Amino acid sequence: MSNLQEIESAVSQLTKEELAAFRVWFAEFDAEIWDRQFEEDVAAGRLDGLAKQAL
């Protein structure tokens, strides 16, 4: 069984309360990863072209 399948199985067994807590945790986790990637892209100049177009 793959890690993803194990995670899916574990999540499917959560209670409503646990699932709600997991959703909150995952949303925060996902947002942190997205923010970090965005900051890296800005620092590397990957968004410079878009910024120039917006101005």
PDB file of N, CA and C in Angstrom:
ATOM      1  N   MET A   1       0.849  -1.177   0.000  1.00  0.00           N
ATOM      2  CA  MET A   1       0.000   0.000   0.000  1.00  0.00           C
ATOM      3  C   MET A   1       0.897   1.244   0.000  1.00  0.00           C
ATOM      4  N   SER A   2       0.573   2.206  -0.852  1.00  0.00           N
ATOM      5  CA  SER A   2       1.370   3.428  -0.939  1.00  0.00           C
ATOM      6  C   SER A   2       1.042   4.371   0.219  1.00  0.00           C
ATOM      7  N   ASN A   3       1.912   5.340   0.424  1.00  0.00           N
ATOM      8  CA  ASN A   3       1.663   6.345   1.465  1.00  0.00           C
ATOM      9  C   ASN A   3       0.326   7.036   1.246  1.00  0.00           C
ATOM     10  N   LEU A   4       0.035   7.389  -0.013  1.00  0.00           N
ATOM     11  CA  LEU A   4      -1.215   8.073  -0.309  1.00  0.00           C
ATOM     12  C   LEU A   4      -2.412   7.198   0.046  1.00  0.00           C
ATOM     13  N   GLN A   5      -2.342   5.933  -0.291  1.00  0.00           N
ATOM     14  CA  GLN A   5      -3.443   5.024   0.039  1.00  0.00           C
ATOM     15  C   GLN A   5      -3.598   4.894   1.549  1.00  0.00           C
ATOM     16  N   GLU A   6      -2.488   4.860   2.274  1.00  0.00           N
ATOM     17  CA  GLU A   6      -2.550   4.783   3.735  1.00  0.00           C
ATOM     18  C   GLU A   6      -3.187   6.039   4.313  1.00  0.00           C
ATOM     19  N   ILE A   7      -2.826   7.190   3.771  1.00  0.00           N
ATOM     20  CA  ILE A   7      -3.401   8.454   4.238  1.00  0.00           C
ATOM     21  C   ILE A   7      -4.893   8.496   3.942  1.00  0.00           C
ATOM     22  N   GLU A   8      -5.271   8.115   2.720  1.00  0.00           N
ATOM     23  CA  GLU A   8      -6.689   8.096   2.353  1.00  0.00           C
ATOM     24  C   GLU A   8      -7.474   7.175   3.280  1.00  0.00           C
ATOM     25  N   SER A   9      -6.916   6.024   3.582  1.00  0.00           N
ATOM     26  CA  SER A   9      -7.583   5.077   4.470  1.00  0.00           C
ATOM     27  C   SER A   9      -7.738   5.659   5.869  1.00  0.00           C
ATOM     28  N   ALA A  10      -6.675   6.282   6.371  1.00  0.00           N
ATOM     29  CA  ALA A  10      -6.726   6.873   7.710  1.00  0.00           C
ATOM     30  C   ALA A  10      -7.738   8.017   7.761  1.00  0.00           C
ATOM     31  N   VAL A  11      -7.742   8.867   6.741  1.00  0.00           N
ATOM     32  CA  VAL A  11      -8.664  10.004   6.716  1.00  0.00           C
ATOM     33  C   VAL A  11     -10.107   9.518   6.643  1.00  0.00           C
ATOM     34  N   SER A  12     -10.344   8.474   5.887  1.00  0.00           N
ATOM     35  CA  SER A  12     -11.714   7.971   5.744  1.00  0.00           C
ATOM     36  C   SER A  12     -12.258   7.390   7.048  1.00  0.00           C
ATOM     37  N   GLN A  13     -11.383   7.116   7.999  1.00  0.00           N
ATOM     38  CA  GLN A  13     -11.811   6.550   9.275  1.00  0.00           C
ATOM     39  C   GLN A  13     -11.953   7.597  10.382  1.00  0.00           C
ATOM     40  N   LEU A  14     -11.683   8.855  10.068  1.00  0.00           N
ATOM     41  CA  LEU A  14     -11.780   9.911  11.072  1.00  0.00           C
ATOM     42  C   LEU A  14     -13.234  10.190  11.430  1.00  0.00           C
ATOM     43  N   THR A  15     -13.440  10.601  12.678  1.00  0.00           N
ATOM     44  CA  THR A  15     -14.774  11.054  13.086  1.00  0.00           C
ATOM     45  C   THR A  15     -15.029  12.423  12.453  1.00  0.00           C
ATOM     46  N   LYS A  16     -16.262  12.896  12.539  1.00  0.00           N
ATOM     47  CA  LYS A  16     -16.586  14.218  11.997  1.00  0.00           C
ATOM     48  C   LYS A  16     -15.716  15.296  12.637  1.00  0.00           C
ATOM     49  N   GLU A  17     -15.530  15.193  13.939  1.00  0.00           N
ATOM     50  CA  GLU A  17     -14.737  16.187  14.658  1.00  0.00           C
ATOM     51  C   GLU A  17     -13.267  16.120  14.244  1.00  0.00           C
ATOM     52  N   GLU A  18     -12.747  14.916  14.120  1.00  0.00           N
ATOM     53  CA  GLU A  18     -11.357  14.750  13.693  1.00  0.00           C
ATOM     54  C   GLU A  18     -11.164  15.241  12.261  1.00  0.00           C
ATOM     55  N   LEU A  19     -12.137  14.959  11.407  1.00  0.00           N
ATOM     56  CA  LEU A  19     -12.053  15.402  10.019  1.00  0.00           C
ATOM     57  C   LEU A  19     -12.077  16.927   9.939  1.00  0.00           C
ATOM     58  N   ALA A  20     -12.905  17.555  10.756  1.00  0.00           N
ATOM     59  CA  ALA A  20     -12.950  19.018  10.784  1.00  0.00           C
ATOM     60  C   ALA A  20     -11.603  19.580  11.229  1.00  0.00           C
ATOM     61  N   ALA A  21     -11.009  18.987  12.253  1.00  0.00           N
ATOM     62  CA  ALA A  21      -9.702  19.439  12.731  1.00  0.00           C
ATOM     63  C   ALA A  21      -8.633  19.194  11.672  1.00  0.00           C
ATOM     64  N   PHE A  22      -8.724  18.068  10.987  1.00  0.00           N
ATOM     65  CA  PHE A  22      -7.771  17.767   9.920  1.00  0.00           C
ATOM     66  C   PHE A  22      -7.880  18.787   8.788  1.00  0.00           C
ATOM     67  N   ARG A  23      -9.107  19.157   8.421  1.00  0.00           N
ATOM     68  CA  ARG A  23      -9.300  20.151   7.357  1.00  0.00           C
ATOM     69  C   ARG A  23      -8.629  21.476   7.714  1.00  0.00           C
ATOM     70  N   VAL A  24      -8.811  21.909   8.957  1.00  0.00           N
ATOM     71  CA  VAL A  24      -8.193  23.160   9.402  1.00  0.00           C
ATOM     72  C   VAL A  24      -6.681  23.037   9.332  1.00  0.00           C
ATOM     73  N   TRP A  25      -6.151  21.945   9.875  1.00  0.00           N
ATOM     74  CA  TRP A  25      -4.700  21.743   9.860  1.00  0.00           C
ATOM     75  C   TRP A  25      -4.178  21.705   8.430  1.00  0.00           C
ATOM     76  N   PHE A  26      -4.850  20.967   7.547  1.00  0.00           N
ATOM     77  CA  PHE A  26      -4.357  20.831   6.181  1.00  0.00           C
ATOM     78  C   PHE A  26      -4.422  22.157   5.431  1.00  0.00           C
ATOM     79  N   ALA A  27      -5.472  22.925   5.641  1.00  0.00           N
ATOM     80  CA  ALA A  27      -5.579  24.229   4.981  1.00  0.00           C
ATOM     81  C   ALA A  27      -4.417  25.129   5.395  1.00  0.00           C
ATOM     82  N   GLU A  28      -4.086  25.129   6.685  1.00  0.00           N
ATOM     83  CA  GLU A  28      -2.961  25.932   7.171  1.00  0.00           C
ATOM     84  C   GLU A  28      -1.637  25.405   6.617  1.00  0.00           C
ATOM     85  N   PHE A  29      -1.477  24.104   6.599  1.00  0.00           N
ATOM     86  CA  PHE A  29      -0.273  23.461   6.070  1.00  0.00           C
ATOM     87  C   PHE A  29      -0.095  23.795   4.592  1.00  0.00           C
ATOM     88  N   ASP A  30      -1.164  23.655   3.830  1.00  0.00           N
ATOM     89  CA  ASP A  30      -1.119  23.915   2.395  1.00  0.00           C
ATOM     90  C   ASP A  30      -0.831  25.390   2.113  1.00  0.00           C
ATOM     91  N   ALA A  31      -1.446  26.278   2.888  1.00  0.00           N
ATOM     92  CA  ALA A  31      -1.211  27.712   2.707  1.00  0.00           C
ATOM     93  C   ALA A  31       0.238  28.072   2.997  1.00  0.00           C
ATOM     94  N   GLU A  32       0.819  27.468   4.012  1.00  0.00           N
ATOM     95  CA  GLU A  32       2.221  27.736   4.350  1.00  0.00           C
ATOM     96  C   GLU A  32       3.143  27.305   3.215  1.00  0.00           C
ATOM     97  N   ILE A  33       2.888  26.146   2.638  1.00  0.00           N
ATOM     98  CA  ILE A  33       3.697  25.675   1.509  1.00  0.00           C
ATOM     99  C   ILE A  33       3.535  26.619   0.320  1.00  0.00           C
ATOM    100  N   TRP A  34       2.297  27.030   0.036  1.00  0.00           N
ATOM    101  CA  TRP A  34       2.046  27.933  -1.087  1.00  0.00           C
ATOM    102  C   TRP A  34       2.758  29.267  -0.862  1.00  0.00           C
ATOM    103  N   ASP A  35       2.649  29.805   0.357  1.00  0.00           N
ATOM    104  CA  ASP A  35       3.309  31.080   0.668  1.00  0.00           C
ATOM    105  C   ASP A  35       4.817  30.982   0.492  1.00  0.00           C
ATOM    106  N   ARG A  36       5.395  29.890   0.964  1.00  0.00           N
ATOM    107  CA  ARG A  36       6.842  29.692   0.849  1.00  0.00           C
ATOM    108  C   ARG A  36       7.260  29.632  -0.622  1.00  0.00           C
ATOM    109  N   GLN A  37       6.498  28.905  -1.428  1.00  0.00           N
ATOM    110  CA  GLN A  37       6.812  28.804  -2.853  1.00  0.00           C
ATOM    111  C   GLN A  37       6.677  30.158  -3.536  1.00  0.00           C
ATOM    112  N   PHE A  38       5.636  30.903  -3.184  1.00  0.00           N
ATOM    113  CA  PHE A  38       5.426  32.226  -3.762  1.00  0.00           C
ATOM    114  C   PHE A  38       6.599  33.146  -3.424  1.00  0.00           C
ATOM    115  N   GLU A  39       7.026  33.142  -2.168  1.00  0.00           N
ATOM    116  CA  GLU A  39       8.156  33.966  -1.750  1.00  0.00           C
ATOM    117  C   GLU A  39       9.429  33.576  -2.500  1.00  0.00           C
ATOM    118  N   GLU A  40       9.642  32.279  -2.697  1.00  0.00           N
ATOM    119  CA  GLU A  40      10.810  31.820  -3.457  1.00  0.00           C
ATOM    120  C   GLU A  40      10.731  32.290  -4.911  1.00  0.00           C
ATOM    121  N   ASP A  41       9.540  32.210  -5.492  1.00  0.00           N
ATOM    122  CA  ASP A  41       9.364  32.649  -6.878  1.00  0.00           C
ATOM    123  C   ASP A  41       9.604  34.153  -7.015  1.00  0.00           C
ATOM    124  N   VAL A  42       9.118  34.935  -6.053  1.00  0.00           N
ATOM    125  CA  VAL A  42       9.344  36.381  -6.080  1.00  0.00           C
ATOM    126  C   VAL A  42      10.829  36.674  -5.960  1.00  0.00           C
ATOM    127  N   ALA A  43      11.493  36.041  -5.002  1.00  0.00           N
ATOM    128  CA  ALA A  43      12.920  36.277  -4.781  1.00  0.00           C
ATOM    129  C   ALA A  43      13.750  35.889  -6.002  1.00  0.00           C
ATOM    130  N   ALA A  44      13.316  34.867  -6.720  1.00  0.00           N
ATOM    131  CA  ALA A  44      14.053  34.397  -7.897  1.00  0.00           C
ATOM    132  C   ALA A  44      13.702  35.190  -9.156  1.00  0.00           C
ATOM    133  N   GLY A  45      12.753  36.114  -9.042  1.00  0.00           N
ATOM    134  CA  GLY A  45      12.378  36.932 -10.191  1.00  0.00           C
ATOM    135  C   GLY A  45      11.426  36.260 -11.157  1.00  0.00           C
ATOM    136  N   ARG A  46      10.860  35.133 -10.763  1.00  0.00           N
ATOM    137  CA  ARG A  46       9.976  34.394 -11.669  1.00  0.00           C
ATOM    138  C   ARG A  46       8.662  35.124 -11.971  1.00  0.00           C
ATOM    139  N   LEU A  47       8.325  36.102 -11.142  1.00  0.00           N
ATOM    140  CA  LEU A  47       7.062  36.814 -11.339  1.00  0.00           C
ATOM    141  C   LEU A  47       7.268  38.227 -11.877  1.00  0.00           C
ATOM    142  N   ASP A  48       8.495  38.567 -12.203  1.00  0.00           N
ATOM    143  CA  ASP A  48       8.796  39.917 -12.680  1.00  0.00           C
ATOM    144  C   ASP A  48       8.005  40.271 -13.935  1.00  0.00           C
ATOM    145  N   GLY A  49       7.904  39.348 -14.865  1.00  0.00           N
ATOM    146  CA  GLY A  49       7.159  39.600 -16.098  1.00  0.00           C
ATOM    147  C   GLY A  49       5.696  39.896 -15.825  1.00  0.00           C
ATOM    148  N   LEU A  50       5.097  39.148 -14.925  1.00  0.00           N
ATOM    149  CA  LEU A  50       3.694  39.390 -14.577  1.00  0.00           C
ATOM    150  C   LEU A  50       3.527  40.737 -13.890  1.00  0.00           C
ATOM    151  N   ALA A  51       4.470  41.076 -13.021  1.00  0.00           N
ATOM    152  CA  ALA A  51       4.398  42.361 -12.322  1.00  0.00           C
ATOM    153  C   ALA A  51       4.492  43.516 -13.312  1.00  0.00           C
ATOM    154  N   LYS A  52       5.356  43.399 -14.289  1.00  0.00           N
ATOM    155  CA  LYS A  52       5.498  44.459 -15.295  1.00  0.00           C
ATOM    156  C   LYS A  52       4.225  44.599 -16.123  1.00  0.00           C
ATOM    157  N   GLN A  53       3.609  43.468 -16.461  1.00  0.00           N
ATOM    158  CA  GLN A  53       2.360  43.508 -17.228  1.00  0.00           C
ATOM    159  C   GLN A  53       1.245  44.167 -16.419  1.00  0.00           C
ATOM    160  N   ALA A  54       1.240  43.938 -15.119  1.00  0.00           N
ATOM    161  CA  ALA A  54       0.190  44.480 -14.260  1.00  0.00           C
ATOM    162  C   ALA A  54       0.312  45.993 -14.110  1.00  0.00           C
ATOM    163  N   LEU A  55       1.522  46.487 -14.242  1.00  0.00           N
ATOM    164  CA  LEU A  55       1.734  47.931 -14.102  1.00  0.00           C
ATOM    165  C   LEU A  55       1.534  48.558 -15.431  1.00  0.00           C
TER     166      LEU A  55
END
